[in-house]
């Protein structure tokens, strides 16, 4: 359950992500600076599994992880003959993000995923974007990895997946249109269209909801992550972490 949007302005990138999670999960830790493969990285940390759902590094690469629910996707079929294959012990998808977070560009993420043992991970969608490359979504359904050009908004939901995606795309078109601004994106992530509940971008459900809003800004000099814990419609306080930009 998550929603991601972004906008490029010249060589700058602004990206926003709502993290939607069950209330049963513990509170996340605010962004901290890590080192991955010699590259400084900023990421909040999931207190339950120790991974992350979003990262930004000094090279300008941003990664966003969304859980995927392929059984609910129209037209999805399990590969023939795979029904009887045992499911291996699952590893944290958030830890995979931390492993990839030191990448120099979004083009290299697909190569890293091809080399990874993805059978250890439950289905996911991984968005990779930087100020220069075309944004890419890497969709793993538990059997196959598919890479496509990404288009905002990128959405996931464990509840009524197709209808939630349609509702949030419709809201995006009505609120933002073809030329988004950071202010419009912020309003979108705080919105309750068509009504406050599971279909709105700011999610409110009995079992879970939007737990945080993360905003990342990448320019020629700096990478900044602003993290607001709590529902985006309510939270105002931000934890801010910054990195000096590394130019490859």
C-alpha atoms as a PDB file:
ATOM      1  CA  UNK A   1       0.000   0.000   0.000  1.00  0.00           C
ATOM      2  CA  UNK A   2       1.835   3.098  -1.222  1.00  0.00           C
ATOM      3  CA  UNK A   3       1.694   5.975  -3.711  1.00  0.00           C
ATOM      4  CA  UNK A   4       4.644   7.658  -5.460  1.00  0.00           C
ATOM      5  CA  UNK A   5       4.741  10.763  -7.670  1.00  0.00           C
ATOM      6  CA  UNK A   6       7.530  12.952  -9.027  1.00  0.00           C
ATOM      7  CA  UNK A   7       8.340  15.939 -11.184  1.00  0.00           C
ATOM      8  CA  UNK A   8      11.489  17.092 -12.932  1.00  0.00           C
ATOM      9  CA  UNK A   9      12.338  20.773 -13.197  1.00  0.00           C
ATOM     10  CA  UNK A  10      15.362  21.291 -15.443  1.00  0.00           C
ATOM     11  CA  UNK A  11      18.026  19.040 -13.869  1.00  0.00           C
ATOM     12  CA  UNK A  12      16.230  18.887 -10.510  1.00  0.00           C
ATOM     13  CA  UNK A  13      14.017  16.083  -9.237  1.00  0.00           C
ATOM     14  CA  UNK A  14      11.249  16.221  -6.631  1.00  0.00           C
ATOM     15  CA  UNK A  15       9.659  12.933  -5.528  1.00  0.00           C
ATOM     16  CA  UNK A  16       6.992  12.221  -2.925  1.00  0.00           C
ATOM     17  CA  UNK A  17       5.906   8.910  -1.416  1.00  0.00           C
ATOM     18  CA  UNK A  18       3.140   7.964   0.987  1.00  0.00           C
ATOM     19  CA  UNK A  19       3.966   4.835   2.931  1.00  0.00           C
ATOM     20  CA  UNK A  20       0.782   2.911   3.700  1.00  0.00           C
ATOM     21  CA  UNK A  21       1.110   0.189   6.308  1.00  0.00           C
ATOM     22  CA  UNK A  22      -0.846  -1.845   8.841  1.00  0.00           C
ATOM     23  CA  UNK A  23      -1.254  -0.274  12.270  1.00  0.00           C
ATOM     24  CA  UNK A  24       0.259  -3.466  13.689  1.00  0.00           C
ATOM     25  CA  UNK A  25       3.697  -2.554  12.327  1.00  0.00           C
ATOM     26  CA  UNK A  26       5.983  -0.597  14.575  1.00  0.00           C
ATOM     27  CA  UNK A  27       6.845   3.067  13.950  1.00  0.00           C
ATOM     28  CA  UNK A  28       9.641   3.665  11.468  1.00  0.00           C
ATOM     29  CA  UNK A  29      12.915   5.317  12.380  1.00  0.00           C
ATOM     30  CA  UNK A  30      13.498   8.719  10.725  1.00  0.00           C
ATOM     31  CA  UNK A  31      16.045   9.087   7.912  1.00  0.00           C
ATOM     32  CA  UNK A  32      19.649   8.332   8.742  1.00  0.00           C
ATOM     33  CA  UNK A  33      22.831   8.502   6.693  1.00  0.00           C
ATOM     34  CA  UNK A  34      24.365   5.182   5.676  1.00  0.00           C
ATOM     35  CA  UNK A  35      27.227   4.123   3.424  1.00  0.00           C
ATOM     36  CA  UNK A  36      26.571   1.678   0.617  1.00  0.00           C
ATOM     37  CA  UNK A  37      29.377   0.683  -1.741  1.00  0.00           C
ATOM     38  CA  UNK A  38      31.240   3.894  -0.926  1.00  0.00           C
ATOM     39  CA  UNK A  39      28.232   6.128  -1.648  1.00  0.00           C
ATOM     40  CA  UNK A  40      26.424   8.068   1.123  1.00  0.00           C
ATOM     41  CA  UNK A  41      22.740   7.120   1.326  1.00  0.00           C
ATOM     42  CA  UNK A  42      19.759   8.589   3.195  1.00  0.00           C
ATOM     43  CA  UNK A  43      16.914   6.276   4.213  1.00  0.00           C
ATOM     44  CA  UNK A  44      14.303   5.856   6.933  1.00  0.00           C
ATOM     45  CA  UNK A  45      14.401   2.415   8.551  1.00  0.00           C
ATOM     46  CA  UNK A  46      11.573  -0.046   9.106  1.00  0.00           C
ATOM     47  CA  UNK A  47      11.712  -0.942  12.801  1.00  0.00           C
ATOM     48  CA  UNK A  48      10.235  -4.418  12.274  1.00  0.00           C
ATOM     49  CA  UNK A  49      12.485  -5.798   9.523  1.00  0.00           C
ATOM     50  CA  UNK A  50      15.423  -3.378   9.421  1.00  0.00           C
ATOM     51  CA  UNK A  51      15.082  -2.461   5.751  1.00  0.00           C
ATOM     52  CA  UNK A  52      13.624   0.578   4.025  1.00  0.00           C
ATOM     53  CA  UNK A  53      10.980   1.467   1.478  1.00  0.00           C
ATOM     54  CA  UNK A  54      12.705   4.575   0.100  1.00  0.00           C
ATOM     55  CA  UNK A  55      16.301   5.731  -0.314  1.00  0.00           C
ATOM     56  CA  UNK A  56      18.264   8.520  -1.965  1.00  0.00           C
ATOM     57  CA  UNK A  57      22.001   8.627  -2.470  1.00  0.00           C
ATOM     58  CA  UNK A  58      24.640  11.241  -3.188  1.00  0.00           C
ATOM     59  CA  UNK A  59      24.704  10.276  -6.878  1.00  0.00           C
ATOM     60  CA  UNK A  60      21.053  11.363  -7.123  1.00  0.00           C
ATOM     61  CA  UNK A  61      19.562   7.863  -7.404  1.00  0.00           C
ATOM     62  CA  UNK A  62      16.211   7.406  -5.672  1.00  0.00           C
ATOM     63  CA  UNK A  63      14.650   3.984  -5.024  1.00  0.00           C
ATOM     64  CA  UNK A  64      11.058   3.385  -3.903  1.00  0.00           C
ATOM     65  CA  UNK A  65       9.699  -0.028  -2.928  1.00  0.00           C
ATOM     66  CA  UNK A  66       6.019  -0.910  -3.141  1.00  0.00           C
ATOM     67  CA  UNK A  67       4.561  -4.279  -2.200  1.00  0.00           C
ATOM     68  CA  UNK A  68       2.915  -6.044  -5.114  1.00  0.00           C
ATOM     69  CA  UNK A  69      -0.205  -8.191  -5.155  1.00  0.00           C
ATOM     70  CA  UNK A  70      -0.096 -10.029  -8.520  1.00  0.00           C
ATOM     71  CA  UNK A  71      -3.029 -12.336  -7.728  1.00  0.00           C
ATOM     72  CA  UNK A  72      -5.260  -9.245  -7.758  1.00  0.00           C
ATOM     73  CA  UNK A  73      -3.918  -7.871 -11.054  1.00  0.00           C
ATOM     74  CA  UNK A  74      -6.171  -8.278 -14.116  1.00  0.00           C
ATOM     75  CA  UNK A  75      -4.751 -10.797 -16.573  1.00  0.00           C
ATOM     76  CA  UNK A  76      -2.011 -12.095 -14.260  1.00  0.00           C
ATOM     77  CA  UNK A  77      -1.396 -15.843 -14.508  1.00  0.00           C
ATOM     78  CA  UNK A  78       0.941 -18.095 -12.622  1.00  0.00           C
ATOM     79  CA  UNK A  79       3.482 -19.704 -15.003  1.00  0.00           C
ATOM     80  CA  UNK A  80       2.512 -23.221 -16.077  1.00  0.00           C
ATOM     81  CA  UNK A  81       4.079 -25.895 -13.918  1.00  0.00           C
ATOM     82  CA  UNK A  82       5.046 -23.559 -11.077  1.00  0.00           C
ATOM     83  CA  UNK A  83       2.054 -24.281  -8.845  1.00  0.00           C
ATOM     84  CA  UNK A  84       3.809 -27.163  -7.131  1.00  0.00           C
ATOM     85  CA  UNK A  85       7.117 -25.410  -6.528  1.00  0.00           C
ATOM     86  CA  UNK A  86       7.847 -24.788  -2.829  1.00  0.00           C
ATOM     87  CA  UNK A  87       8.087 -21.198  -1.664  1.00  0.00           C
ATOM     88  CA  UNK A  88      11.561 -20.477  -0.235  1.00  0.00           C
ATOM     89  CA  UNK A  89      11.992 -18.665   3.049  1.00  0.00           C
ATOM     90  CA  UNK A  90      11.198 -15.015   2.421  1.00  0.00           C
ATOM     91  CA  UNK A  91      13.751 -12.282   2.955  1.00  0.00           C
ATOM     92  CA  UNK A  92      12.895  -8.665   3.743  1.00  0.00           C
ATOM     93  CA  UNK A  93      12.195  -6.703   0.581  1.00  0.00           C
ATOM     94  CA  UNK A  94      13.283  -3.572   2.405  1.00  0.00           C
ATOM     95  CA  UNK A  95      16.734  -5.052   2.942  1.00  0.00           C
ATOM     96  CA  UNK A  96      16.990  -5.557  -0.815  1.00  0.00           C
ATOM     97  CA  UNK A  97      16.492  -1.800  -1.232  1.00  0.00           C
ATOM     98  CA  UNK A  98      19.382  -1.147   1.146  1.00  0.00           C
ATOM     99  CA  UNK A  99      21.558  -3.542  -0.864  1.00  0.00           C
ATOM    100  CA  UNK A 100      20.798  -1.610  -4.054  1.00  0.00           C
ATOM    101  CA  UNK A 101      20.844   1.876  -2.539  1.00  0.00           C
ATOM    102  CA  UNK A 102      24.472   2.587  -3.458  1.00  0.00           C
ATOM    103  CA  UNK A 103      23.822   2.345  -7.198  1.00  0.00           C
ATOM    104  CA  UNK A 104      25.216   5.081  -9.438  1.00  0.00           C
ATOM    105  CA  UNK A 105      22.278   5.251 -11.873  1.00  0.00           C
ATOM    106  CA  UNK A 106      18.810   3.832 -12.373  1.00  0.00           C
ATOM    107  CA  UNK A 107      19.890   1.956 -15.501  1.00  0.00           C
ATOM    108  CA  UNK A 108      22.107  -0.340 -13.440  1.00  0.00           C
ATOM    109  CA  UNK A 109      19.392  -1.425 -11.024  1.00  0.00           C
ATOM    110  CA  UNK A 110      17.864  -3.909 -13.487  1.00  0.00           C
ATOM    111  CA  UNK A 111      21.260  -5.591 -13.909  1.00  0.00           C
ATOM    112  CA  UNK A 112      21.617  -5.881 -10.137  1.00  0.00           C
ATOM    113  CA  UNK A 113      18.134  -7.383  -9.827  1.00  0.00           C
ATOM    114  CA  UNK A 114      18.834  -9.928 -12.560  1.00  0.00           C
ATOM    115  CA  UNK A 115      21.883 -11.080 -10.601  1.00  0.00           C
ATOM    116  CA  UNK A 116      19.962 -11.210  -7.305  1.00  0.00           C
ATOM    117  CA  UNK A 117      18.178 -14.327  -6.059  1.00  0.00           C
ATOM    118  CA  UNK A 118      14.708 -12.818  -6.299  1.00  0.00           C
ATOM    119  CA  UNK A 119      12.980 -16.084  -5.401  1.00  0.00           C
ATOM    120  CA  UNK A 120      13.818 -15.204  -1.807  1.00  0.00           C
ATOM    121  CA  UNK A 121      11.511 -12.176  -1.976  1.00  0.00           C
ATOM    122  CA  UNK A 122       7.758 -11.742  -2.049  1.00  0.00           C
ATOM    123  CA  UNK A 123       6.393  -9.794  -5.061  1.00  0.00           C
ATOM    124  CA  UNK A 124       7.336  -6.115  -5.268  1.00  0.00           C
ATOM    125  CA  UNK A 125       7.545  -3.096  -7.518  1.00  0.00           C
ATOM    126  CA  UNK A 126      10.780  -1.098  -7.352  1.00  0.00           C
ATOM    127  CA  UNK A 127      10.888   2.393  -8.850  1.00  0.00           C
ATOM    128  CA  UNK A 128      14.337   3.709  -9.789  1.00  0.00           C
ATOM    129  CA  UNK A 129      14.739   7.337 -10.801  1.00  0.00           C
ATOM    130  CA  UNK A 130      17.407  10.030 -10.930  1.00  0.00           C
ATOM    131  CA  UNK A 131      17.452  13.543 -12.437  1.00  0.00           C
ATOM    132  CA  UNK A 132      18.739  12.302 -15.810  1.00  0.00           C
ATOM    133  CA  UNK A 133      17.382   8.844 -16.649  1.00  0.00           C
ATOM    134  CA  UNK A 134      13.909   7.740 -17.648  1.00  0.00           C
ATOM    135  CA  UNK A 135      12.196   6.466 -14.480  1.00  0.00           C
ATOM    136  CA  UNK A 136      11.926   2.681 -14.462  1.00  0.00           C
ATOM    137  CA  UNK A 137       9.667   0.262 -12.603  1.00  0.00           C
ATOM    138  CA  UNK A 138      11.021  -3.211 -11.896  1.00  0.00           C
ATOM    139  CA  UNK A 139       8.048  -5.501 -11.273  1.00  0.00           C
ATOM    140  CA  UNK A 140       8.700  -8.864  -9.607  1.00  0.00           C
ATOM    141  CA  UNK A 141       5.640 -11.137  -9.378  1.00  0.00           C
ATOM    142  CA  UNK A 142       7.372 -14.011  -7.603  1.00  0.00           C
ATOM    143  CA  UNK A 143       8.270 -15.713 -10.893  1.00  0.00           C
ATOM    144  CA  UNK A 144       9.331 -13.101 -13.451  1.00  0.00           C
ATOM    145  CA  UNK A 145      11.030  -9.712 -13.451  1.00  0.00           C
ATOM    146  CA  UNK A 146       9.688  -7.127 -15.880  1.00  0.00           C
ATOM    147  CA  UNK A 147      11.165  -3.655 -16.440  1.00  0.00           C
ATOM    148  CA  UNK A 148       9.101  -0.816 -17.906  1.00  0.00           C
ATOM    149  CA  UNK A 149       9.107   2.964 -18.150  1.00  0.00           C
ATOM    150  CA  UNK A 150       7.395   4.423 -15.078  1.00  0.00           C
ATOM    151  CA  UNK A 151       4.470   6.822 -15.198  1.00  0.00           C
ATOM    152  CA  UNK A 152       3.138   8.723 -12.204  1.00  0.00           C
ATOM    153  CA  UNK A 153       1.438   7.852 -10.009  1.00  0.00           C
ATOM    154  CA  UNK A 154       2.889   4.477  -9.072  1.00  0.00           C
ATOM    155  CA  UNK A 155       0.402   2.828  -6.726  1.00  0.00           C
ATOM    156  CA  UNK A 156      -0.033  -0.365  -4.736  1.00  0.00           C
ATOM    157  CA  UNK A 157      -2.807  -1.573  -2.437  1.00  0.00           C
ATOM    158  CA  UNK A 158      -3.633  -4.911  -0.834  1.00  0.00           C
ATOM    159  CA  UNK A 159      -7.312  -3.904  -0.873  1.00  0.00           C
ATOM    160  CA  UNK A 160      -9.278  -3.845  -4.161  1.00  0.00           C
ATOM    161  CA  UNK A 161      -6.048  -3.185  -6.061  1.00  0.00           C
ATOM    162  CA  UNK A 162      -7.447  -2.364  -9.515  1.00  0.00           C
ATOM    163  CA  UNK A 163     -10.112   0.014  -8.188  1.00  0.00           C
ATOM    164  CA  UNK A 164      -7.644   1.778  -5.885  1.00  0.00           C
ATOM    165  CA  UNK A 165      -5.226   2.300  -8.781  1.00  0.00           C
ATOM    166  CA  UNK A 166      -8.018   3.671 -10.977  1.00  0.00           C
ATOM    167  CA  UNK A 167      -9.235   6.025  -8.243  1.00  0.00           C
ATOM    168  CA  UNK A 168      -5.796   7.462  -7.502  1.00  0.00           C
ATOM    169  CA  UNK A 169      -4.979   7.902 -11.189  1.00  0.00           C
ATOM    170  CA  UNK A 170      -8.282   9.695 -11.691  1.00  0.00           C
ATOM    171  CA  UNK A 171      -7.540  11.969  -8.733  1.00  0.00           C
ATOM    172  CA  UNK A 172      -4.080  12.652 -10.169  1.00  0.00           C
ATOM    173  CA  UNK A 173      -5.516  13.706 -13.530  1.00  0.00           C
ATOM    174  CA  UNK A 174      -8.101  15.978 -11.918  1.00  0.00           C
ATOM    175  CA  UNK A 175      -5.754  17.592  -9.393  1.00  0.00           C
ATOM    176  CA  UNK A 176      -2.521  17.804 -11.369  1.00  0.00           C
ATOM    177  CA  UNK A 177      -2.728  17.107 -15.084  1.00  0.00           C
ATOM    178  CA  UNK A 178       0.300  17.102 -17.405  1.00  0.00           C
ATOM    179  CA  UNK A 179       2.438  19.790 -15.715  1.00  0.00           C
ATOM    180  CA  UNK A 180       2.783  19.007 -12.000  1.00  0.00           C
ATOM    181  CA  UNK A 181       4.414  21.293  -9.462  1.00  0.00           C
ATOM    182  CA  UNK A 182       5.827  20.207  -6.086  1.00  0.00           C
ATOM    183  CA  UNK A 183       2.981  22.033  -4.317  1.00  0.00           C
ATOM    184  CA  UNK A 184       0.389  20.172  -6.383  1.00  0.00           C
ATOM    185  CA  UNK A 185       2.046  16.854  -5.636  1.00  0.00           C
ATOM    186  CA  UNK A 186       2.066  17.638  -1.923  1.00  0.00           C
ATOM    187  CA  UNK A 187      -1.657  18.432  -2.032  1.00  0.00           C
ATOM    188  CA  UNK A 188      -2.283  15.203  -3.923  1.00  0.00           C
ATOM    189  CA  UNK A 189      -0.523  13.110  -1.285  1.00  0.00           C
ATOM    190  CA  UNK A 190      -2.611  14.761   1.443  1.00  0.00           C
ATOM    191  CA  UNK A 191      -5.900  14.391  -0.435  1.00  0.00           C
ATOM    192  CA  UNK A 192      -9.011  12.408   0.471  1.00  0.00           C
ATOM    193  CA  UNK A 193     -10.528  12.217  -3.016  1.00  0.00           C
ATOM    194  CA  UNK A 194     -12.939  10.610  -3.797  1.00  0.00           C
ATOM    195  CA  UNK A 195     -13.508  10.402  -0.025  1.00  0.00           C
ATOM    196  CA  UNK A 196     -11.485   9.682   3.095  1.00  0.00           C
ATOM    197  CA  UNK A 197     -10.907   5.936   3.117  1.00  0.00           C
ATOM    198  CA  UNK A 198      -9.048   3.089   1.372  1.00  0.00           C
ATOM    199  CA  UNK A 199      -9.303   4.600  -2.131  1.00  0.00           C
ATOM    200  CA  UNK A 200      -7.901   8.039  -1.287  1.00  0.00           C
ATOM    201  CA  UNK A 201      -4.195   8.807  -1.657  1.00  0.00           C
ATOM    202  CA  UNK A 202      -3.986   9.592   2.052  1.00  0.00           C
ATOM    203  CA  UNK A 203      -5.297   6.214   3.173  1.00  0.00           C
ATOM    204  CA  UNK A 204      -7.559   5.667   6.172  1.00  0.00           C
ATOM    205  CA  UNK A 205      -8.561   2.069   6.935  1.00  0.00           C
ATOM    206  CA  UNK A 206      -9.467   0.227  10.113  1.00  0.00           C
ATOM    207  CA  UNK A 207      -6.441  -2.053   9.801  1.00  0.00           C
ATOM    208  CA  UNK A 208      -3.946   0.446   8.399  1.00  0.00           C
ATOM    209  CA  UNK A 209      -3.345   3.677   6.562  1.00  0.00           C
ATOM    210  CA  UNK A 210      -0.774   6.209   5.392  1.00  0.00           C
ATOM    211  CA  UNK A 211       1.932   6.159   8.045  1.00  0.00           C
ATOM    212  CA  UNK A 212       4.293   8.777   6.599  1.00  0.00           C
ATOM    213  CA  UNK A 213       5.060  11.156   3.735  1.00  0.00           C
ATOM    214  CA  UNK A 214       8.606  11.390   2.385  1.00  0.00           C
ATOM    215  CA  UNK A 215       9.685  14.168   0.033  1.00  0.00           C
ATOM    216  CA  UNK A 216      13.030  13.994  -1.772  1.00  0.00           C
ATOM    217  CA  UNK A 217      14.648  16.867  -3.656  1.00  0.00           C
ATOM    218  CA  UNK A 218      17.714  16.330  -5.815  1.00  0.00           C
ATOM    219  CA  UNK A 219      19.555  19.242  -7.423  1.00  0.00           C
ATOM    220  CA  UNK A 220      23.068  19.825  -8.697  1.00  0.00           C
ATOM    221  CA  UNK A 221      24.421  20.582  -5.216  1.00  0.00           C
ATOM    222  CA  UNK A 222      22.381  18.613  -2.714  1.00  0.00           C
ATOM    223  CA  UNK A 223      20.115  15.659  -1.988  1.00  0.00           C
ATOM    224  CA  UNK A 224      17.510  16.382   0.703  1.00  0.00           C
ATOM    225  CA  UNK A 225      14.981  14.040   2.307  1.00  0.00           C
ATOM    226  CA  UNK A 226      12.091  15.466   4.327  1.00  0.00           C
ATOM    227  CA  UNK A 227      10.242  12.858   6.358  1.00  0.00           C
ATOM    228  CA  UNK A 228       6.886  13.449   8.084  1.00  0.00           C
ATOM    229  CA  UNK A 229       5.621  10.673  10.351  1.00  0.00           C
ATOM    230  CA  UNK A 230       1.882  10.147  10.637  1.00  0.00           C
ATOM    231  CA  UNK A 231      -0.956  10.617   8.147  1.00  0.00           C
ATOM    232  CA  UNK A 232       0.039  13.170   5.465  1.00  0.00           C
ATOM    233  CA  UNK A 233      -3.252  15.020   6.008  1.00  0.00           C
ATOM    234  CA  UNK A 234      -2.276  15.711   9.632  1.00  0.00           C
ATOM    235  CA  UNK A 235       1.500  15.631  10.073  1.00  0.00           C
ATOM    236  CA  UNK A 236       3.484  18.850   9.855  1.00  0.00           C
ATOM    237  CA  UNK A 237       6.750  18.166  11.688  1.00  0.00           C
ATOM    238  CA  UNK A 238       9.564  17.004   9.447  1.00  0.00           C
ATOM    239  CA  UNK A 239      12.868  15.250   9.982  1.00  0.00           C
ATOM    240  CA  UNK A 240      15.317  16.545   7.376  1.00  0.00           C
ATOM    241  CA  UNK A 241      18.490  14.807   6.199  1.00  0.00           C
ATOM    242  CA  UNK A 242      20.814  16.089   3.467  1.00  0.00           C
ATOM    243  CA  UNK A 243      23.796  14.945   1.429  1.00  0.00           C
ATOM    244  CA  UNK A 244      26.230  16.821  -0.751  1.00  0.00           C
ATOM    245  CA  UNK A 245      25.689  15.776  -4.354  1.00  0.00           C
ATOM    246  CA  UNK A 246      28.253  13.422  -5.880  1.00  0.00           C
ATOM    247  CA  UNK A 247      28.640  13.797  -9.652  1.00  0.00           C
ATOM    248  CA  UNK A 248      29.616  10.602 -11.421  1.00  0.00           C
END
